[in-house]
Structure formats: structure tokens, C-alpha cells
Amino acid sequence: MDPKLTEVSQIFNRFKAAFVRNDYDNCSNLLSQLKVLLTGFRSLPPLFEDTPNAVHELTIARDIYEHAVVLSVKTEDQDAFERDFFQLKPYYTDASNRLPPSPQEYPILGLNLLRLLVQNRIAEFHTELELLSPTALENPCINHAVELEQSFMEGAYNRVLSARQTVPHDTYVYFMDLLAKTVRDIFVED
């Protein structure tokens, strides 16, 4: 294996171990190192050069960015979420023909929809929905965000509040709590 790829794999393993221990400060430091190392891979976006290790490099980079998105949720950093999500997105769109599907894709796409809903960026929410395939729209993680948006727009705040009990992925709780706060704020204003 390529020495640079080996180094990335080793640091990523340390990152995952720190993540399991909830050592998010260490995770952030290791993530910074990983992102710098990834810039040396010419197979990654935007170049997508066909290198001997391209599939392996693309796969590990996608995994790193997926973990980065989840880390940003754990640390409640919406700015980092947005940055990491936009670094990850080309792996789901532009590199989808080179990589096997990721089991984290729909949960993360649903998380992004929740983030947009919480931030009241409804136009962007609908733009992101339009970019999804019919198969993606049927996924419970995506469908959860769609139903929340519909309930919110209809003023069915009881459904919005009760939806926290049925989140399709544990990472959704952070945004669900923020959405519940928004609903409570609406009632306080009335």
C-alpha cells in the first residue's frame, strides 16, 4: 500500500478510537491532520485523477468526511457541519459511479435537510430535495425530514415535537432538539 495511504489509515484509526471514547478534542486535531493529508491525493475531488489507489483513496476520504459531519453534530458545531457536508457531497454525487454506496449517505443527507429546516433555509431545503433520486426520497431518513417540514409548514407543531421520539438515526436528536426549541419559541411569541 502507498505510504501516504497507510499514514492516513493509521491516523483515521486513531480518530475512530478517539471518537468511540467521546474524546472530541483529539478527534478535531486528528481530523485537521487527515484533511491536510487528503489534499495530497490527486484521485479526490475536484481532480478525480485515475490513480492506482483511486478507489481506496476515495473510499477512505468519504469515510473521513462522513465522520467529520457526525463529529460536528456531536460537538454541536453547525458551521463545521456545513463545511464538512459540502466537502463530502461530491463523494455522493460526482464519485458515486466509482464507489459502492455508503450506508451513511441517507442518514447524512437527512441530517443536512434537518439542518436547513432548523436554520429556516426552506428554499435550500427544497433545492436539496429536488437533487435526490426517487429511491432516496423513499428512505426513512429523508422521509423523516420531509414529513417534519410539512408538519412545520402546516403548523402541526405537536407532530414536530413528537417526531423526536421516532428519529431514524441517533444523530438526528441534536437538530430535533433545536427544532423543538423553535416551536416552543413560536408559542412564547403568541
N, C-alpha and C. Protein backbone atom coordinates (compact mmCIF):
# COMPACT_ATOMS: atom_id res chain seq x y z
N MET A 1 0.84 -1.18 0.00
CA MET A 1 0.00 0.00 0.00
C MET A 1 0.89 1.25 0.00
N ASP A 2 0.40 2.28 -0.62
CA ASP A 2 1.06 3.58 -0.69
C ASP A 2 1.34 4.11 0.73
N PRO A 3 2.56 4.61 0.99
CA PRO A 3 2.89 5.09 2.34
C PRO A 3 1.96 6.21 2.83
N LYS A 4 1.55 7.10 1.92
CA LYS A 4 0.66 8.19 2.30
C LYS A 4 -0.71 7.64 2.70
N LEU A 5 -1.16 6.63 1.96
CA LEU A 5 -2.44 5.99 2.27
C LEU A 5 -2.37 5.25 3.61
N THR A 6 -1.24 4.62 3.86
CA THR A 6 -1.03 3.93 5.14
C THR A 6 -1.07 4.92 6.29
N GLU A 7 -0.42 6.07 6.12
CA GLU A 7 -0.42 7.09 7.17
C GLU A 7 -1.84 7.60 7.44
N VAL A 8 -2.60 7.85 6.37
CA VAL A 8 -3.98 8.31 6.53
C VAL A 8 -4.80 7.24 7.26
N SER A 9 -4.63 5.98 6.88
CA SER A 9 -5.37 4.89 7.53
C SER A 9 -5.06 4.81 9.02
N GLN A 10 -3.78 4.96 9.37
CA GLN A 10 -3.38 4.88 10.78
C GLN A 10 -3.98 6.04 11.59
N ILE A 11 -3.89 7.24 11.05
CA ILE A 11 -4.44 8.41 11.76
C ILE A 11 -5.96 8.29 11.86
N PHE A 12 -6.60 7.80 10.79
CA PHE A 12 -8.04 7.63 10.81
C PHE A 12 -8.46 6.60 11.86
N ASN A 13 -7.68 5.55 12.02
CA ASN A 13 -7.97 4.56 13.07
C ASN A 13 -7.87 5.19 14.45
N ARG A 14 -6.88 6.07 14.65
CA ARG A 14 -6.75 6.79 15.92
C ARG A 14 -7.95 7.72 16.11
N PHE A 15 -8.38 8.37 15.03
CA PHE A 15 -9.56 9.24 15.08
C PHE A 15 -10.78 8.44 15.53
N LYS A 16 -11.01 7.28 14.90
CA LYS A 16 -12.19 6.47 15.23
C LYS A 16 -12.14 5.98 16.68
N ALA A 17 -10.95 5.64 17.16
CA ALA A 17 -10.82 5.21 18.55
C ALA A 17 -11.15 6.37 19.50
N ALA A 18 -10.67 7.57 19.18
CA ALA A 18 -10.97 8.75 20.00
C ALA A 18 -12.46 9.07 19.93
N PHE A 19 -13.06 8.87 18.78
CA PHE A 19 -14.49 9.13 18.61
C PHE A 19 -15.32 8.21 19.51
N VAL A 20 -14.95 6.95 19.56
CA VAL A 20 -15.66 5.98 20.40
C VAL A 20 -15.55 6.37 21.88
N ARG A 21 -14.39 6.96 22.25
CA ARG A 21 -14.17 7.39 23.64
C ARG A 21 -14.81 8.76 23.92
N ASN A 22 -15.46 9.35 22.91
CA ASN A 22 -16.03 10.71 23.03
C ASN A 22 -14.96 11.75 23.32
N ASP A 23 -13.75 11.51 22.85
CA ASP A 23 -12.64 12.45 23.00
C ASP A 23 -12.64 13.37 21.78
N TYR A 24 -13.59 14.30 21.77
CA TYR A 24 -13.82 15.12 20.58
C TYR A 24 -12.71 16.13 20.31
N ASP A 25 -12.00 16.57 21.34
CA ASP A 25 -10.87 17.48 21.11
C ASP A 25 -9.79 16.76 20.31
N ASN A 26 -9.48 15.55 20.72
CA ASN A 26 -8.49 14.76 20.00
C ASN A 26 -8.97 14.47 18.58
N CYS A 27 -10.27 14.17 18.45
CA CYS A 27 -10.85 13.93 17.12
C CYS A 27 -10.64 15.15 16.21
N SER A 28 -10.89 16.33 16.74
CA SER A 28 -10.74 17.55 15.93
C SER A 28 -9.30 17.73 15.47
N ASN A 29 -8.35 17.47 16.37
CA ASN A 29 -6.94 17.59 15.99
C ASN A 29 -6.56 16.58 14.92
N LEU A 30 -7.00 15.34 15.10
CA LEU A 30 -6.69 14.29 14.12
C LEU A 30 -7.38 14.58 12.79
N LEU A 31 -8.59 15.11 12.85
CA LEU A 31 -9.33 15.44 11.63
C LEU A 31 -8.58 16.51 10.83
N SER A 32 -8.03 17.49 11.51
CA SER A 32 -7.25 18.52 10.82
C SER A 32 -6.06 17.90 10.09
N GLN A 33 -5.38 16.99 10.76
CA GLN A 33 -4.26 16.29 10.13
C GLN A 33 -4.72 15.50 8.90
N LEU A 34 -5.83 14.80 9.06
CA LEU A 34 -6.34 13.98 7.96
C LEU A 34 -6.70 14.84 6.75
N LYS A 35 -7.35 15.96 6.98
CA LYS A 35 -7.75 16.82 5.87
C LYS A 35 -6.55 17.34 5.11
N VAL A 36 -5.48 17.66 5.83
CA VAL A 36 -4.26 18.12 5.17
C VAL A 36 -3.67 16.99 4.33
N LEU A 37 -3.62 15.80 4.89
CA LEU A 37 -3.07 14.65 4.15
C LEU A 37 -3.90 14.32 2.91
N LEU A 38 -5.22 14.47 3.01
CA LEU A 38 -6.09 14.16 1.87
C LEU A 38 -5.80 15.07 0.67
N THR A 39 -5.30 16.26 0.92
CA THR A 39 -5.01 17.17 -0.20
C THR A 39 -3.92 16.61 -1.11
N GLY A 40 -3.18 15.63 -0.64
CA GLY A 40 -2.13 15.02 -1.46
C GLY A 40 -2.62 13.94 -2.41
N PHE A 41 -3.88 13.57 -2.31
CA PHE A 41 -4.43 12.52 -3.18
C PHE A 41 -5.06 13.16 -4.41
N ARG A 42 -4.51 12.89 -5.56
CA ARG A 42 -4.99 13.51 -6.80
C ARG A 42 -6.26 12.81 -7.33
N SER A 43 -6.62 11.70 -6.71
CA SER A 43 -7.83 10.98 -7.14
C SER A 43 -9.10 11.60 -6.55
N LEU A 44 -8.94 12.49 -5.59
CA LEU A 44 -10.09 13.07 -4.90
C LEU A 44 -10.61 14.29 -5.65
N PRO A 45 -11.84 14.71 -5.31
CA PRO A 45 -12.40 15.91 -5.95
C PRO A 45 -11.49 17.11 -5.68
N PRO A 46 -11.37 18.01 -6.61
CA PRO A 46 -12.08 18.11 -7.88
C PRO A 46 -11.35 17.44 -9.04
N LEU A 47 -10.14 16.90 -8.79
CA LEU A 47 -9.34 16.35 -9.90
C LEU A 47 -9.86 15.01 -10.41
N PHE A 48 -10.17 14.11 -9.50
CA PHE A 48 -10.63 12.76 -9.84
C PHE A 48 -9.69 12.04 -10.80
N GLU A 49 -8.38 12.21 -10.61
CA GLU A 49 -7.43 11.51 -11.48
C GLU A 49 -7.54 10.00 -11.24
N ASP A 50 -7.33 9.25 -12.30
CA ASP A 50 -7.42 7.79 -12.22
C ASP A 50 -6.06 7.24 -11.77
N THR A 51 -5.84 7.21 -10.46
CA THR A 51 -4.58 6.73 -9.91
C THR A 51 -4.74 5.25 -9.52
N PRO A 52 -3.61 4.55 -9.30
CA PRO A 52 -3.71 3.13 -8.93
C PRO A 52 -4.53 2.86 -7.66
N ASN A 53 -4.52 3.79 -6.72
CA ASN A 53 -5.24 3.60 -5.46
C ASN A 53 -6.51 4.44 -5.39
N ALA A 54 -7.02 4.88 -6.52
CA ALA A 54 -8.12 5.85 -6.55
C ALA A 54 -9.33 5.39 -5.74
N VAL A 55 -9.78 4.17 -5.93
CA VAL A 55 -10.98 3.70 -5.24
C VAL A 55 -10.75 3.67 -3.73
N HIS A 56 -9.58 3.19 -3.32
CA HIS A 56 -9.28 3.14 -1.88
C HIS A 56 -9.18 4.55 -1.31
N GLU A 57 -8.54 5.46 -2.03
CA GLU A 57 -8.41 6.85 -1.57
C GLU A 57 -9.78 7.53 -1.48
N LEU A 58 -10.60 7.33 -2.49
CA LEU A 58 -11.94 7.91 -2.48
C LEU A 58 -12.78 7.37 -1.32
N THR A 59 -12.67 6.07 -1.09
CA THR A 59 -13.44 5.43 -0.03
C THR A 59 -13.03 5.95 1.34
N ILE A 60 -11.73 6.01 1.60
CA ILE A 60 -11.29 6.46 2.93
C ILE A 60 -11.59 7.95 3.11
N ALA A 61 -11.46 8.74 2.05
CA ALA A 61 -11.78 10.17 2.15
C ALA A 61 -13.26 10.35 2.45
N ARG A 62 -14.12 9.60 1.77
CA ARG A 62 -15.56 9.70 2.04
C ARG A 62 -15.85 9.32 3.49
N ASP A 63 -15.22 8.24 3.97
CA ASP A 63 -15.42 7.82 5.36
C ASP A 63 -14.97 8.90 6.34
N ILE A 64 -13.86 9.54 6.04
CA ILE A 64 -13.34 10.60 6.92
C ILE A 64 -14.33 11.76 6.96
N TYR A 65 -14.81 12.19 5.81
CA TYR A 65 -15.76 13.31 5.78
C TYR A 65 -17.10 12.95 6.41
N GLU A 66 -17.51 11.69 6.28
CA GLU A 66 -18.74 11.27 6.96
C GLU A 66 -18.56 11.36 8.47
N HIS A 67 -17.42 10.90 8.95
CA HIS A 67 -17.14 11.00 10.39
C HIS A 67 -17.05 12.47 10.82
N ALA A 68 -16.49 13.31 9.96
CA ALA A 68 -16.38 14.73 10.28
C ALA A 68 -17.75 15.36 10.45
N VAL A 69 -18.69 14.98 9.59
CA VAL A 69 -20.06 15.51 9.69
C VAL A 69 -20.68 15.08 11.01
N VAL A 70 -20.54 13.82 11.35
CA VAL A 70 -21.12 13.32 12.61
C VAL A 70 -20.43 13.97 13.81
N LEU A 71 -19.12 14.17 13.72
CA LEU A 71 -18.39 14.85 14.79
C LEU A 71 -18.94 16.26 14.99
N SER A 72 -19.23 16.95 13.90
CA SER A 72 -19.76 18.32 14.02
C SER A 72 -21.11 18.33 14.73
N VAL A 73 -21.89 17.28 14.54
CA VAL A 73 -23.18 17.16 15.25
C VAL A 73 -22.91 16.91 16.73
N LYS A 74 -21.98 16.01 17.02
CA LYS A 74 -21.66 15.68 18.42
C LYS A 74 -21.13 16.91 19.16
N THR A 75 -20.39 17.78 18.45
CA THR A 75 -19.83 18.97 19.09
C THR A 75 -20.75 20.18 18.91
N GLU A 76 -21.91 19.94 18.29
CA GLU A 76 -22.93 20.98 18.09
C GLU A 76 -22.38 22.20 17.35
N ASP A 77 -21.60 21.93 16.31
CA ASP A 77 -20.97 22.99 15.52
C ASP A 77 -21.59 23.00 14.12
N GLN A 78 -22.61 23.84 13.93
CA GLN A 78 -23.32 23.87 12.65
C GLN A 78 -22.45 24.41 11.51
N ASP A 79 -21.53 25.32 11.81
CA ASP A 79 -20.64 25.83 10.76
C ASP A 79 -19.73 24.71 10.25
N ALA A 80 -19.18 23.93 11.17
CA ALA A 80 -18.34 22.80 10.77
C ALA A 80 -19.17 21.78 10.00
N PHE A 81 -20.41 21.57 10.43
CA PHE A 81 -21.30 20.65 9.71
C PHE A 81 -21.42 21.07 8.26
N GLU A 82 -21.71 22.34 8.04
CA GLU A 82 -21.90 22.82 6.68
C GLU A 82 -20.64 22.66 5.85
N ARG A 83 -19.49 23.03 6.41
CA ARG A 83 -18.21 22.88 5.69
C ARG A 83 -17.95 21.41 5.35
N ASP A 84 -18.08 20.55 6.36
CA ASP A 84 -17.78 19.14 6.15
C ASP A 84 -18.78 18.49 5.20
N PHE A 85 -20.04 18.88 5.30
CA PHE A 85 -21.03 18.32 4.40
C PHE A 85 -20.71 18.69 2.95
N PHE A 86 -20.32 19.93 2.71
CA PHE A 86 -20.02 20.33 1.34
C PHE A 86 -18.72 19.71 0.82
N GLN A 87 -17.82 19.32 1.72
CA GLN A 87 -16.64 18.57 1.30
C GLN A 87 -17.01 17.12 0.99
N LEU A 88 -18.01 16.61 1.68
CA LEU A 88 -18.46 15.23 1.49
C LEU A 88 -19.35 15.05 0.27
N LYS A 89 -20.17 16.02 -0.02
CA LYS A 89 -21.21 15.88 -1.05
C LYS A 89 -20.70 15.38 -2.41
N PRO A 90 -19.54 15.83 -2.91
CA PRO A 90 -19.07 15.30 -4.20
C PRO A 90 -18.85 13.78 -4.21
N TYR A 91 -18.61 13.20 -3.03
CA TYR A 91 -18.43 11.74 -2.97
C TYR A 91 -19.76 11.03 -3.20
N TYR A 92 -20.86 11.70 -2.85
CA TYR A 92 -22.18 11.12 -3.07
C TYR A 92 -22.70 11.41 -4.48
N THR A 93 -22.21 12.45 -5.09
CA THR A 93 -22.72 12.83 -6.42
C THR A 93 -21.69 12.49 -7.50
N ASP A 94 -20.59 13.19 -7.52
CA ASP A 94 -19.61 13.07 -8.60
C ASP A 94 -18.83 11.76 -8.59
N ALA A 95 -18.65 11.16 -7.42
CA ALA A 95 -17.87 9.92 -7.33
C ALA A 95 -18.75 8.69 -7.15
N SER A 96 -20.05 8.86 -7.25
CA SER A 96 -20.95 7.73 -6.99
C SER A 96 -20.76 6.58 -7.97
N ASN A 97 -20.30 6.88 -9.17
CA ASN A 97 -20.08 5.81 -10.16
C ASN A 97 -18.76 5.07 -9.92
N ARG A 98 -17.91 5.58 -9.03
CA ARG A 98 -16.62 4.95 -8.75
C ARG A 98 -16.61 4.19 -7.43
N LEU A 99 -17.61 4.46 -6.58
CA LEU A 99 -17.63 3.89 -5.23
C LEU A 99 -18.90 3.10 -4.98
N PRO A 100 -18.80 2.09 -4.13
CA PRO A 100 -20.04 1.43 -3.70
C PRO A 100 -20.81 2.41 -2.81
N PRO A 101 -22.12 2.27 -2.71
CA PRO A 101 -22.90 3.18 -1.86
C PRO A 101 -22.45 3.12 -0.41
N SER A 102 -22.57 4.22 0.27
CA SER A 102 -22.22 4.28 1.68
C SER A 102 -23.48 4.10 2.52
N PRO A 103 -23.42 3.29 3.57
CA PRO A 103 -24.58 3.14 4.46
C PRO A 103 -24.89 4.44 5.22
N GLN A 104 -23.95 5.37 5.24
CA GLN A 104 -24.14 6.64 5.94
C GLN A 104 -24.74 7.72 5.06
N GLU A 105 -24.87 7.47 3.76
CA GLU A 105 -25.30 8.53 2.84
C GLU A 105 -26.68 9.08 3.19
N TYR A 106 -27.68 8.24 3.31
CA TYR A 106 -29.03 8.74 3.57
C TYR A 106 -29.16 9.38 4.96
N PRO A 107 -28.59 8.77 6.00
CA PRO A 107 -28.64 9.46 7.29
C PRO A 107 -28.00 10.86 7.25
N ILE A 108 -26.90 10.99 6.53
CA ILE A 108 -26.23 12.30 6.46
C ILE A 108 -27.01 13.27 5.58
N LEU A 109 -27.55 12.79 4.48
CA LEU A 109 -28.38 13.68 3.65
C LEU A 109 -29.61 14.15 4.44
N GLY A 110 -30.19 13.25 5.22
CA GLY A 110 -31.32 13.63 6.06
C GLY A 110 -30.92 14.62 7.14
N LEU A 111 -29.73 14.43 7.71
CA LEU A 111 -29.22 15.39 8.69
C LEU A 111 -29.08 16.78 8.08
N ASN A 112 -28.57 16.83 6.86
CA ASN A 112 -28.42 18.12 6.20
C ASN A 112 -29.78 18.78 5.98
N LEU A 113 -30.78 18.00 5.60
CA LEU A 113 -32.13 18.55 5.44
C LEU A 113 -32.64 19.09 6.77
N LEU A 114 -32.40 18.37 7.85
CA LEU A 114 -32.82 18.85 9.17
C LEU A 114 -32.12 20.16 9.52
N ARG A 115 -30.83 20.23 9.22
CA ARG A 115 -30.06 21.45 9.49
C ARG A 115 -30.68 22.63 8.76
N LEU A 116 -30.99 22.43 7.49
CA LEU A 116 -31.59 23.51 6.70
C LEU A 116 -32.94 23.91 7.26
N LEU A 117 -33.70 22.94 7.72
CA LEU A 117 -35.01 23.22 8.32
C LEU A 117 -34.85 24.02 9.62
N VAL A 118 -33.92 23.61 10.46
CA VAL A 118 -33.67 24.30 11.73
C VAL A 118 -33.22 25.74 11.47
N GLN A 119 -32.41 25.93 10.42
CA GLN A 119 -31.89 27.26 10.10
C GLN A 119 -32.89 28.08 9.27
N ASN A 120 -34.07 27.53 9.06
CA ASN A 120 -35.13 28.21 8.29
C ASN A 120 -34.66 28.55 6.87
N ARG A 121 -33.89 27.66 6.29
CA ARG A 121 -33.41 27.84 4.92
C ARG A 121 -34.26 26.94 4.01
N ILE A 122 -35.53 27.28 3.92
CA ILE A 122 -36.52 26.43 3.28
C ILE A 122 -36.28 26.29 1.78
N ALA A 123 -35.86 27.37 1.12
CA ALA A 123 -35.59 27.30 -0.32
C ALA A 123 -34.46 26.30 -0.59
N GLU A 124 -33.40 26.35 0.23
CA GLU A 124 -32.29 25.40 0.07
C GLU A 124 -32.74 23.98 0.40
N PHE A 125 -33.60 23.84 1.39
CA PHE A 125 -34.17 22.54 1.75
C PHE A 125 -34.82 21.93 0.51
N HIS A 126 -35.66 22.72 -0.18
CA HIS A 126 -36.37 22.20 -1.35
C HIS A 126 -35.42 21.97 -2.52
N THR A 127 -34.40 22.78 -2.65
CA THR A 127 -33.40 22.56 -3.70
C THR A 127 -32.70 21.23 -3.49
N GLU A 128 -32.30 20.96 -2.24
CA GLU A 128 -31.64 19.69 -1.93
C GLU A 128 -32.57 18.51 -2.20
N LEU A 129 -33.84 18.66 -1.87
CA LEU A 129 -34.81 17.59 -2.15
C LEU A 129 -34.90 17.29 -3.64
N GLU A 130 -34.91 18.34 -4.45
CA GLU A 130 -35.03 18.16 -5.90
C GLU A 130 -33.83 17.42 -6.48
N LEU A 131 -32.70 17.48 -5.81
CA LEU A 131 -31.50 16.81 -6.31
C LEU A 131 -31.47 15.32 -5.96
N LEU A 132 -32.36 14.89 -5.10
CA LEU A 132 -32.37 13.50 -4.66
C LEU A 132 -33.13 12.60 -5.62
N SER A 133 -32.69 11.37 -5.70
CA SER A 133 -33.35 10.38 -6.55
C SER A 133 -34.66 9.94 -5.92
N PRO A 134 -35.57 9.36 -6.72
CA PRO A 134 -36.81 8.82 -6.14
C PRO A 134 -36.55 7.78 -5.06
N THR A 135 -35.50 6.98 -5.23
CA THR A 135 -35.13 5.98 -4.23
C THR A 135 -34.75 6.66 -2.91
N ALA A 136 -33.97 7.73 -3.01
CA ALA A 136 -33.54 8.46 -1.81
C ALA A 136 -34.75 9.04 -1.08
N LEU A 137 -35.71 9.54 -1.84
CA LEU A 137 -36.89 10.15 -1.22
C LEU A 137 -37.72 9.15 -0.42
N GLU A 138 -37.59 7.87 -0.76
CA GLU A 138 -38.32 6.83 -0.04
C GLU A 138 -37.60 6.38 1.23
N ASN A 139 -36.33 6.78 1.38
CA ASN A 139 -35.57 6.36 2.54
C ASN A 139 -36.13 7.00 3.81
N PRO A 140 -36.23 6.24 4.91
CA PRO A 140 -36.79 6.78 6.15
C PRO A 140 -36.06 8.02 6.68
N CYS A 141 -34.76 8.10 6.47
CA CYS A 141 -34.01 9.27 6.95
C CYS A 141 -34.40 10.53 6.19
N ILE A 142 -34.61 10.41 4.90
CA ILE A 142 -35.02 11.56 4.08
C ILE A 142 -36.49 11.86 4.34
N ASN A 143 -37.29 10.81 4.37
CA ASN A 143 -38.73 10.96 4.57
C ASN A 143 -39.04 11.64 5.92
N HIS A 144 -38.24 11.34 6.93
CA HIS A 144 -38.43 11.96 8.25
C HIS A 144 -38.31 13.48 8.14
N ALA A 145 -37.28 13.95 7.44
CA ALA A 145 -37.08 15.39 7.28
C ALA A 145 -38.20 16.02 6.46
N VAL A 146 -38.65 15.31 5.42
CA VAL A 146 -39.74 15.83 4.57
C VAL A 146 -41.02 15.96 5.39
N GLU A 147 -41.34 14.93 6.15
CA GLU A 147 -42.56 14.98 6.98
C GLU A 147 -42.48 16.08 8.04
N LEU A 148 -41.29 16.29 8.60
CA LEU A 148 -41.11 17.36 9.58
C LEU A 148 -41.37 18.72 8.94
N GLU A 149 -40.82 18.92 7.75
CA GLU A 149 -41.00 20.20 7.06
C GLU A 149 -42.48 20.43 6.77
N GLN A 150 -43.16 19.38 6.32
CA GLN A 150 -44.59 19.50 6.03
C GLN A 150 -45.38 19.84 7.30
N SER A 151 -45.08 19.16 8.39
CA SER A 151 -45.77 19.42 9.66
C SER A 151 -45.49 20.84 10.13
N PHE A 152 -44.26 21.27 9.99
CA PHE A 152 -43.88 22.61 10.43
C PHE A 152 -44.63 23.67 9.60
N MET A 153 -44.68 23.47 8.30
CA MET A 153 -45.34 24.44 7.42
C MET A 153 -46.86 24.46 7.64
N GLU A 154 -47.41 23.31 8.01
CA GLU A 154 -48.86 23.23 8.28
C GLU A 154 -49.20 23.78 9.66
N GLY A 155 -48.18 24.04 10.47
CA GLY A 155 -48.43 24.49 11.84
C GLY A 155 -48.82 23.36 12.77
N ALA A 156 -48.54 22.14 12.36
CA ALA A 156 -48.84 20.96 13.18
C ALA A 156 -47.66 20.71 14.13
N TYR A 157 -47.50 21.64 15.06
CA TYR A 157 -46.33 21.62 15.93
C TYR A 157 -46.29 20.42 16.86
N ASN A 158 -47.45 19.87 17.19
CA ASN A 158 -47.47 18.66 18.02
C ASN A 158 -46.77 17.51 17.29
N ARG A 159 -46.97 17.40 15.97
CA ARG A 159 -46.30 16.36 15.18
C ARG A 159 -44.80 16.62 15.13
N VAL A 160 -44.41 17.89 15.05
CA VAL A 160 -42.98 18.24 15.03
C VAL A 160 -42.35 17.80 16.35
N LEU A 161 -43.00 18.12 17.45
CA LEU A 161 -42.45 17.78 18.77
C LEU A 161 -42.42 16.27 19.00
N SER A 162 -43.45 15.57 18.56
CA SER A 162 -43.47 14.11 18.79
C SER A 162 -42.52 13.37 17.85
N ALA A 163 -42.10 14.00 16.77
CA ALA A 163 -41.20 13.33 15.81
C ALA A 163 -39.84 13.01 16.41
N ARG A 164 -39.48 13.67 17.49
CA ARG A 164 -38.19 13.37 18.14
C ARG A 164 -38.16 11.93 18.62
N GLN A 165 -39.32 11.40 18.98
CA GLN A 165 -39.40 10.03 19.51
C GLN A 165 -39.19 8.97 18.42
N THR A 166 -39.29 9.39 17.17
CA THR A 166 -39.20 8.42 16.06
C THR A 166 -38.06 8.73 15.10
N VAL A 167 -37.01 9.37 15.59
CA VAL A 167 -35.90 9.70 14.70
C VAL A 167 -35.31 8.42 14.11
N PRO A 168 -35.00 8.44 12.82
CA PRO A 168 -34.47 7.23 12.18
C PRO A 168 -32.99 6.99 12.46
N HIS A 169 -32.33 7.97 13.09
CA HIS A 169 -30.89 7.85 13.36
C HIS A 169 -30.58 8.66 14.61
N ASP A 170 -29.73 8.15 15.47
CA ASP A 170 -29.47 8.83 16.75
C ASP A 170 -28.84 10.22 16.59
N THR A 171 -28.15 10.46 15.49
CA THR A 171 -27.53 11.77 15.29
C THR A 171 -28.56 12.87 15.04
N TYR A 172 -29.80 12.49 14.78
CA TYR A 172 -30.85 13.48 14.49
C TYR A 172 -31.33 14.24 15.73
N VAL A 173 -31.03 13.70 16.90
CA VAL A 173 -31.57 14.27 18.14
C VAL A 173 -31.15 15.73 18.33
N TYR A 174 -29.90 16.05 18.00
CA TYR A 174 -29.41 17.43 18.17
C TYR A 174 -30.29 18.42 17.39
N PHE A 175 -30.53 18.15 16.11
CA PHE A 175 -31.34 19.06 15.31
C PHE A 175 -32.81 19.02 15.73
N MET A 176 -33.27 17.86 16.17
CA MET A 176 -34.65 17.76 16.65
C MET A 176 -34.86 18.63 17.89
N ASP A 177 -33.86 18.64 18.77
CA ASP A 177 -33.96 19.49 19.95
C ASP A 177 -33.98 20.96 19.57
N LEU A 178 -33.19 21.34 18.59
CA LEU A 178 -33.19 22.73 18.12
C LEU A 178 -34.54 23.09 17.49
N LEU A 179 -35.11 22.14 16.74
CA LEU A 179 -36.41 22.37 16.13
C LEU A 179 -37.50 22.51 17.21
N ALA A 180 -37.40 21.69 18.24
CA ALA A 180 -38.36 21.77 19.35
C ALA A 180 -38.26 23.13 20.05
N LYS A 181 -37.04 23.63 20.18
CA LYS A 181 -36.85 24.95 20.79
C LYS A 181 -37.51 26.03 19.92
N THR A 182 -37.37 25.91 18.61
CA THR A 182 -38.00 26.86 17.69
C THR A 182 -39.52 26.83 17.87
N VAL A 183 -40.08 25.65 17.98
CA VAL A 183 -41.53 25.50 18.17
C VAL A 183 -41.94 26.14 19.50
N ARG A 184 -41.20 25.88 20.55
CA ARG A 184 -41.53 26.48 21.86
C ARG A 184 -41.44 28.00 21.77
N ASP A 185 -40.45 28.52 21.05
CA ASP A 185 -40.32 29.97 20.88
C ASP A 185 -41.51 30.56 20.15
N ILE A 186 -42.06 29.83 19.21
CA ILE A 186 -43.24 30.28 18.47
C ILE A 186 -44.41 30.45 19.43
N PHE A 187 -44.57 29.46 20.34
CA PHE A 187 -45.67 29.53 21.29
C PHE A 187 -45.48 30.66 22.30
N VAL A 188 -44.25 30.95 22.66
CA VAL A 188 -43.99 32.03 23.60
C VAL A 188 -44.34 33.37 22.97
N GLU A 189 -44.06 33.52 21.66
CA GLU A 189 -44.35 34.76 20.96
C GLU A 189 -45.85 35.01 20.83
N ASP A 190 -46.63 33.93 20.70
CA ASP A 190 -48.08 34.07 20.51
C ASP A 190 -48.81 34.50 21.73
